[in-house]
């Protein structure tokens, strides 16, 4: 249906995330969007995109009516908002699930519930299951269940915005300390938040300087 590349998926996922978690700073400037795309927390894989790549992706997404550039008299630079959830008529729970899968890759039901907490509060895993089933049962499915790898106990799900999922390479499972992971993610989120603020301030300063050139 969409066949979006990895950059487009990251751009849309980042816009959805910031629309929900930082509404006061939304829509996003190009600089803030680049910072959001390149976050080291809540992202898998971590990317290092430049403004040119993100700008090119925005133009393509705008042609597909999945992104819109907006400008107001009290804004110094153009900002961008996503239209994916609106164009697909997704409700809040579905939007949250799609956002997590777009930003974090394939996830189990438990991982989706935990990592979507800032976006939507699922009552229990059953509600996540119902939401996934709804996304899989659409006329054009947006989510698919991946085949389980050897030794894998729980099913994992992935979005279909980039077409059919590729076969994943199997490997040994690694034990991870959840508490340590949470601490690292909290620190990374704090750093990413500061980076986004710096990017926003830089954009405002550049616009201010241009007015006097």
C-alpha atoms as a PDB file:
ATOM      1  CA  UNK A   1       0.000   0.000   0.000  1.00  0.00           C
ATOM      2  CA  UNK A   2       2.688   2.481   0.996  1.00  0.00           C
ATOM      3  CA  UNK A   3       6.095   0.840   0.422  1.00  0.00           C
ATOM      4  CA  UNK A   4       7.786   3.498   2.559  1.00  0.00           C
ATOM      5  CA  UNK A   5      11.546   3.398   3.021  1.00  0.00           C
ATOM      6  CA  UNK A   6      13.246   3.391   6.417  1.00  0.00           C
ATOM      7  CA  UNK A   7      13.691   7.174   6.493  1.00  0.00           C
ATOM      8  CA  UNK A   8      10.023   7.845   5.720  1.00  0.00           C
ATOM      9  CA  UNK A   9       8.937   5.406   8.441  1.00  0.00           C
ATOM     10  CA  UNK A  10      11.263   7.086  10.943  1.00  0.00           C
ATOM     11  CA  UNK A  11      10.004  10.569   9.975  1.00  0.00           C
ATOM     12  CA  UNK A  12       6.345   9.583  10.349  1.00  0.00           C
ATOM     13  CA  UNK A  13       6.946   7.660  13.572  1.00  0.00           C
ATOM     14  CA  UNK A  14       8.824  10.592  15.090  1.00  0.00           C
ATOM     15  CA  UNK A  15       6.079  13.052  14.150  1.00  0.00           C
ATOM     16  CA  UNK A  16       3.415  10.784  15.678  1.00  0.00           C
ATOM     17  CA  UNK A  17       5.442  10.360  18.872  1.00  0.00           C
ATOM     18  CA  UNK A  18       6.065  14.083  19.352  1.00  0.00           C
ATOM     19  CA  UNK A  19       2.467  14.990  18.531  1.00  0.00           C
ATOM     20  CA  UNK A  20       1.381  12.877  21.506  1.00  0.00           C
ATOM     21  CA  UNK A  21       4.244  13.392  23.981  1.00  0.00           C
ATOM     22  CA  UNK A  22       5.196  17.049  23.362  1.00  0.00           C
ATOM     23  CA  UNK A  23       2.062  18.717  21.954  1.00  0.00           C
ATOM     24  CA  UNK A  24       3.271  22.202  22.946  1.00  0.00           C
ATOM     25  CA  UNK A  25       6.192  21.884  20.496  1.00  0.00           C
ATOM     26  CA  UNK A  26       4.132  20.313  17.708  1.00  0.00           C
ATOM     27  CA  UNK A  27       4.084  20.593  14.698  1.00  0.00           C
ATOM     28  CA  UNK A  28       7.875  20.190  14.457  1.00  0.00           C
ATOM     29  CA  UNK A  29      10.441  22.365  12.727  1.00  0.00           C
ATOM     30  CA  UNK A  30      12.858  20.605  10.397  1.00  0.00           C
ATOM     31  CA  UNK A  31      15.660  20.879  12.967  1.00  0.00           C
ATOM     32  CA  UNK A  32      13.486  19.440  15.746  1.00  0.00           C
ATOM     33  CA  UNK A  33      12.326  16.631  13.474  1.00  0.00           C
ATOM     34  CA  UNK A  34      15.899  15.683  12.564  1.00  0.00           C
ATOM     35  CA  UNK A  35      16.742  15.551  16.276  1.00  0.00           C
ATOM     36  CA  UNK A  36      13.684  13.364  16.910  1.00  0.00           C
ATOM     37  CA  UNK A  37      14.611  10.998  14.081  1.00  0.00           C
ATOM     38  CA  UNK A  38      18.165  10.651  15.423  1.00  0.00           C
ATOM     39  CA  UNK A  39      17.261   9.991  19.057  1.00  0.00           C
ATOM     40  CA  UNK A  40      19.252   7.223  20.689  1.00  0.00           C
ATOM     41  CA  UNK A  41      16.399   6.269  23.039  1.00  0.00           C
ATOM     42  CA  UNK A  42      13.190   4.589  21.875  1.00  0.00           C
ATOM     43  CA  UNK A  43      14.720   3.985  18.442  1.00  0.00           C
ATOM     44  CA  UNK A  44      15.815   0.764  16.740  1.00  0.00           C
ATOM     45  CA  UNK A  45      17.896   1.082  14.735  1.00  0.00           C
ATOM     46  CA  UNK A  46      19.538   4.356  15.778  1.00  0.00           C
ATOM     47  CA  UNK A  47      19.987   6.547  12.699  1.00  0.00           C
ATOM     48  CA  UNK A  48      22.131   9.567  11.859  1.00  0.00           C
ATOM     49  CA  UNK A  49      20.064  11.484   9.322  1.00  0.00           C
ATOM     50  CA  UNK A  50      20.923  14.967   8.073  1.00  0.00           C
ATOM     51  CA  UNK A  51      18.490  17.760   7.220  1.00  0.00           C
ATOM     52  CA  UNK A  52      18.777  17.104   3.479  1.00  0.00           C
ATOM     53  CA  UNK A  53      17.668  13.475   3.844  1.00  0.00           C
ATOM     54  CA  UNK A  54      14.766  14.354   6.149  1.00  0.00           C
ATOM     55  CA  UNK A  55      13.706  17.260   3.924  1.00  0.00           C
ATOM     56  CA  UNK A  56      13.685  15.017   0.853  1.00  0.00           C
ATOM     57  CA  UNK A  57      11.612  12.433   2.709  1.00  0.00           C
ATOM     58  CA  UNK A  58       9.153  15.138   3.823  1.00  0.00           C
ATOM     59  CA  UNK A  59       8.650  16.213   0.220  1.00  0.00           C
ATOM     60  CA  UNK A  60       7.876  12.623  -0.817  1.00  0.00           C
ATOM     61  CA  UNK A  61       5.514  12.116   2.124  1.00  0.00           C
ATOM     62  CA  UNK A  62       3.748  15.375   1.298  1.00  0.00           C
ATOM     63  CA  UNK A  63       3.156  14.127  -2.248  1.00  0.00           C
ATOM     64  CA  UNK A  64       1.593  11.006  -0.730  1.00  0.00           C
ATOM     65  CA  UNK A  65      -0.594  13.196   1.537  1.00  0.00           C
ATOM     66  CA  UNK A  66       0.990  11.662   4.647  1.00  0.00           C
ATOM     67  CA  UNK A  67       2.686  14.878   5.844  1.00  0.00           C
ATOM     68  CA  UNK A  68       1.745  18.534   5.620  1.00  0.00           C
ATOM     69  CA  UNK A  69       3.951  21.584   5.959  1.00  0.00           C
ATOM     70  CA  UNK A  70       2.291  24.377   7.944  1.00  0.00           C
ATOM     71  CA  UNK A  71       3.222  27.984   8.569  1.00  0.00           C
ATOM     72  CA  UNK A  72       1.696  30.613  10.844  1.00  0.00           C
ATOM     73  CA  UNK A  73       2.427  34.299  11.168  1.00  0.00           C
ATOM     74  CA  UNK A  74       3.823  33.797  14.692  1.00  0.00           C
ATOM     75  CA  UNK A  75       6.203  31.027  13.564  1.00  0.00           C
ATOM     76  CA  UNK A  76       9.589  31.984  12.122  1.00  0.00           C
ATOM     77  CA  UNK A  77      10.037  28.743  10.165  1.00  0.00           C
ATOM     78  CA  UNK A  78       7.834  26.131   8.523  1.00  0.00           C
ATOM     79  CA  UNK A  79       6.722  23.215  10.660  1.00  0.00           C
ATOM     80  CA  UNK A  80       5.493  19.735   9.785  1.00  0.00           C
ATOM     81  CA  UNK A  81       2.642  17.511  10.947  1.00  0.00           C
ATOM     82  CA  UNK A  82       1.783  13.904  10.133  1.00  0.00           C
ATOM     83  CA  UNK A  83      -1.439  12.865   8.412  1.00  0.00           C
ATOM     84  CA  UNK A  84      -1.016   9.072   8.611  1.00  0.00           C
ATOM     85  CA  UNK A  85      -3.284   8.428  11.596  1.00  0.00           C
ATOM     86  CA  UNK A  86      -5.911  10.782  10.150  1.00  0.00           C
ATOM     87  CA  UNK A  87      -5.822   9.336   6.626  1.00  0.00           C
ATOM     88  CA  UNK A  88      -6.093   5.773   7.948  1.00  0.00           C
ATOM     89  CA  UNK A  89      -8.749   6.655  10.569  1.00  0.00           C
ATOM     90  CA  UNK A  90      -6.680   5.138  13.361  1.00  0.00           C
ATOM     91  CA  UNK A  91      -7.896   5.550  16.922  1.00  0.00           C
ATOM     92  CA  UNK A  92      -5.524   6.335  19.783  1.00  0.00           C
ATOM     93  CA  UNK A  93      -4.605   2.733  20.660  1.00  0.00           C
ATOM     94  CA  UNK A  94      -3.940   1.816  17.031  1.00  0.00           C
ATOM     95  CA  UNK A  95      -1.839   4.937  16.524  1.00  0.00           C
ATOM     96  CA  UNK A  96       0.237   4.092  19.594  1.00  0.00           C
ATOM     97  CA  UNK A  97       0.889   0.527  18.410  1.00  0.00           C
ATOM     98  CA  UNK A  98       1.870   1.690  14.938  1.00  0.00           C
ATOM     99  CA  UNK A  99       4.177   4.345  16.386  1.00  0.00           C
ATOM    100  CA  UNK A 100       6.031   1.814  18.565  1.00  0.00           C
ATOM    101  CA  UNK A 101       6.458  -0.617  15.679  1.00  0.00           C
ATOM    102  CA  UNK A 102       7.658   2.177  13.379  1.00  0.00           C
ATOM    103  CA  UNK A 103      10.233   3.471  15.858  1.00  0.00           C
ATOM    104  CA  UNK A 104      11.336   0.261  17.589  1.00  0.00           C
ATOM    105  CA  UNK A 105      10.939  -2.475  14.988  1.00  0.00           C
ATOM    106  CA  UNK A 106       9.250  -5.832  15.624  1.00  0.00           C
ATOM    107  CA  UNK A 107       7.893  -6.225  19.171  1.00  0.00           C
ATOM    108  CA  UNK A 108       6.080  -8.707  21.369  1.00  0.00           C
ATOM    109  CA  UNK A 109       2.720  -7.820  22.885  1.00  0.00           C
ATOM    110  CA  UNK A 110       4.362  -7.143  26.251  1.00  0.00           C
ATOM    111  CA  UNK A 111       7.014  -4.917  24.707  1.00  0.00           C
ATOM    112  CA  UNK A 112       4.384  -2.951  22.815  1.00  0.00           C
ATOM    113  CA  UNK A 113       2.365  -2.332  25.975  1.00  0.00           C
ATOM    114  CA  UNK A 114       5.418  -1.212  27.959  1.00  0.00           C
ATOM    115  CA  UNK A 115       6.924   0.972  25.242  1.00  0.00           C
ATOM    116  CA  UNK A 116       3.623   2.575  24.262  1.00  0.00           C
ATOM    117  CA  UNK A 117       2.959   3.748  27.824  1.00  0.00           C
ATOM    118  CA  UNK A 118       3.774   7.395  27.015  1.00  0.00           C
ATOM    119  CA  UNK A 119       1.498   7.262  23.973  1.00  0.00           C
ATOM    120  CA  UNK A 120      -1.512   5.313  25.229  1.00  0.00           C
ATOM    121  CA  UNK A 121      -2.270   3.483  28.480  1.00  0.00           C
ATOM    122  CA  UNK A 122      -3.318  -0.057  27.635  1.00  0.00           C
ATOM    123  CA  UNK A 123      -5.378  -1.659  30.393  1.00  0.00           C
ATOM    124  CA  UNK A 124      -3.805  -5.076  29.870  1.00  0.00           C
ATOM    125  CA  UNK A 125      -2.169  -7.304  27.270  1.00  0.00           C
ATOM    126  CA  UNK A 126      -5.588  -8.392  26.015  1.00  0.00           C
ATOM    127  CA  UNK A 127      -6.275  -4.829  24.868  1.00  0.00           C
ATOM    128  CA  UNK A 128      -2.977  -4.834  22.968  1.00  0.00           C
ATOM    129  CA  UNK A 129      -3.970  -8.138  21.341  1.00  0.00           C
ATOM    130  CA  UNK A 130      -7.341  -6.722  20.278  1.00  0.00           C
ATOM    131  CA  UNK A 131      -5.639  -3.651  18.805  1.00  0.00           C
ATOM    132  CA  UNK A 132      -3.131  -5.769  16.888  1.00  0.00           C
ATOM    133  CA  UNK A 133      -5.923  -7.959  15.527  1.00  0.00           C
ATOM    134  CA  UNK A 134      -7.807  -4.859  14.363  1.00  0.00           C
ATOM    135  CA  UNK A 135      -4.714  -3.617  12.517  1.00  0.00           C
ATOM    136  CA  UNK A 136      -4.165  -7.041  10.943  1.00  0.00           C
ATOM    137  CA  UNK A 137      -7.825  -7.405   9.897  1.00  0.00           C
ATOM    138  CA  UNK A 138      -8.048  -4.165   7.916  1.00  0.00           C
ATOM    139  CA  UNK A 139      -8.801  -4.503   4.168  1.00  0.00           C
ATOM    140  CA  UNK A 140      -5.165  -3.523   3.677  1.00  0.00           C
ATOM    141  CA  UNK A 141      -3.422  -4.898   6.798  1.00  0.00           C
ATOM    142  CA  UNK A 142      -1.033  -2.568   8.593  1.00  0.00           C
ATOM    143  CA  UNK A 143       0.508  -5.177  10.920  1.00  0.00           C
ATOM    144  CA  UNK A 144       1.659  -8.782  10.544  1.00  0.00           C
ATOM    145  CA  UNK A 145       2.693 -11.496  12.990  1.00  0.00           C
ATOM    146  CA  UNK A 146       6.203 -12.760  12.358  1.00  0.00           C
ATOM    147  CA  UNK A 147       7.091 -16.440  12.275  1.00  0.00           C
ATOM    148  CA  UNK A 148       8.628 -17.485  15.564  1.00  0.00           C
ATOM    149  CA  UNK A 149      12.326 -18.240  15.566  1.00  0.00           C
ATOM    150  CA  UNK A 150      13.788 -21.314  17.296  1.00  0.00           C
ATOM    151  CA  UNK A 151      13.558 -20.928  21.074  1.00  0.00           C
ATOM    152  CA  UNK A 152      11.266 -17.911  20.833  1.00  0.00           C
ATOM    153  CA  UNK A 153       8.299 -18.175  23.190  1.00  0.00           C
ATOM    154  CA  UNK A 154       6.294 -15.071  22.321  1.00  0.00           C
ATOM    155  CA  UNK A 155       5.020 -13.904  18.957  1.00  0.00           C
ATOM    156  CA  UNK A 156       6.414 -10.676  17.549  1.00  0.00           C
ATOM    157  CA  UNK A 157       4.606  -8.183  15.358  1.00  0.00           C
ATOM    158  CA  UNK A 158       5.774  -5.719  12.719  1.00  0.00           C
ATOM    159  CA  UNK A 159       4.203  -2.933  10.649  1.00  0.00           C
ATOM    160  CA  UNK A 160       3.635  -3.336   6.913  1.00  0.00           C
ATOM    161  CA  UNK A 161       4.224   0.254   5.803  1.00  0.00           C
ATOM    162  CA  UNK A 162       7.388  -0.896   4.024  1.00  0.00           C
ATOM    163  CA  UNK A 163       5.794  -3.930   2.424  1.00  0.00           C
ATOM    164  CA  UNK A 164       6.032  -7.547   3.472  1.00  0.00           C
ATOM    165  CA  UNK A 165       8.571  -8.126   6.281  1.00  0.00           C
ATOM    166  CA  UNK A 166      11.913  -9.638   5.392  1.00  0.00           C
ATOM    167  CA  UNK A 167      13.001 -12.906   6.974  1.00  0.00           C
ATOM    168  CA  UNK A 168      15.000 -12.156  10.104  1.00  0.00           C
ATOM    169  CA  UNK A 169      18.307 -13.800  10.815  1.00  0.00           C
ATOM    170  CA  UNK A 170      18.108 -16.063  13.846  1.00  0.00           C
ATOM    171  CA  UNK A 171      20.578 -15.867  16.684  1.00  0.00           C
ATOM    172  CA  UNK A 172      20.981 -16.699  20.364  1.00  0.00           C
ATOM    173  CA  UNK A 173      18.751 -14.793  22.759  1.00  0.00           C
ATOM    174  CA  UNK A 174      20.577 -12.511  25.186  1.00  0.00           C
ATOM    175  CA  UNK A 175      19.511 -11.973  28.786  1.00  0.00           C
ATOM    176  CA  UNK A 176      18.878  -8.308  29.576  1.00  0.00           C
ATOM    177  CA  UNK A 177      18.383  -6.689  32.970  1.00  0.00           C
ATOM    178  CA  UNK A 178      15.084  -4.714  32.598  1.00  0.00           C
ATOM    179  CA  UNK A 179      15.998  -2.304  35.428  1.00  0.00           C
ATOM    180  CA  UNK A 180      19.329  -1.453  33.823  1.00  0.00           C
ATOM    181  CA  UNK A 181      17.638  -0.979  30.460  1.00  0.00           C
ATOM    182  CA  UNK A 182      15.076   1.385  32.009  1.00  0.00           C
ATOM    183  CA  UNK A 183      17.822   3.482  33.632  1.00  0.00           C
ATOM    184  CA  UNK A 184      19.760   3.759  30.379  1.00  0.00           C
ATOM    185  CA  UNK A 185      16.621   4.679  28.434  1.00  0.00           C
ATOM    186  CA  UNK A 186      15.730   7.365  31.008  1.00  0.00           C
ATOM    187  CA  UNK A 187      19.170   8.929  30.643  1.00  0.00           C
ATOM    188  CA  UNK A 188      19.033   8.721  26.858  1.00  0.00           C
ATOM    189  CA  UNK A 189      15.599  10.353  26.825  1.00  0.00           C
ATOM    190  CA  UNK A 190      16.902  13.230  28.957  1.00  0.00           C
ATOM    191  CA  UNK A 191      19.811  13.750  26.556  1.00  0.00           C
ATOM    192  CA  UNK A 192      17.550  13.553  23.514  1.00  0.00           C
ATOM    193  CA  UNK A 193      15.160  16.064  25.057  1.00  0.00           C
ATOM    194  CA  UNK A 194      18.032  18.502  25.557  1.00  0.00           C
ATOM    195  CA  UNK A 195      19.195  17.943  21.991  1.00  0.00           C
ATOM    196  CA  UNK A 196      15.711  18.693  20.676  1.00  0.00           C
ATOM    197  CA  UNK A 197      15.569  21.902  22.710  1.00  0.00           C
ATOM    198  CA  UNK A 198      18.969  22.959  21.393  1.00  0.00           C
ATOM    199  CA  UNK A 199      17.881  22.230  17.817  1.00  0.00           C
ATOM    200  CA  UNK A 200      14.747  24.325  18.337  1.00  0.00           C
ATOM    201  CA  UNK A 201      16.732  27.226  19.797  1.00  0.00           C
ATOM    202  CA  UNK A 202      19.241  27.018  16.934  1.00  0.00           C
ATOM    203  CA  UNK A 203      16.410  27.202  14.387  1.00  0.00           C
ATOM    204  CA  UNK A 204      14.935  30.253  16.115  1.00  0.00           C
ATOM    205  CA  UNK A 205      18.335  31.956  16.283  1.00  0.00           C
ATOM    206  CA  UNK A 206      19.017  31.316  12.596  1.00  0.00           C
ATOM    207  CA  UNK A 207      15.612  32.727  11.663  1.00  0.00           C
ATOM    208  CA  UNK A 208      16.232  35.776  13.866  1.00  0.00           C
ATOM    209  CA  UNK A 209      19.636  36.409  12.287  1.00  0.00           C
ATOM    210  CA  UNK A 210      18.171  36.106   8.777  1.00  0.00           C
ATOM    211  CA  UNK A 211      15.747  38.932   9.538  1.00  0.00           C
ATOM    212  CA  UNK A 212      18.638  41.363   9.948  1.00  0.00           C
ATOM    213  CA  UNK A 213      20.743  40.240   6.991  1.00  0.00           C
END
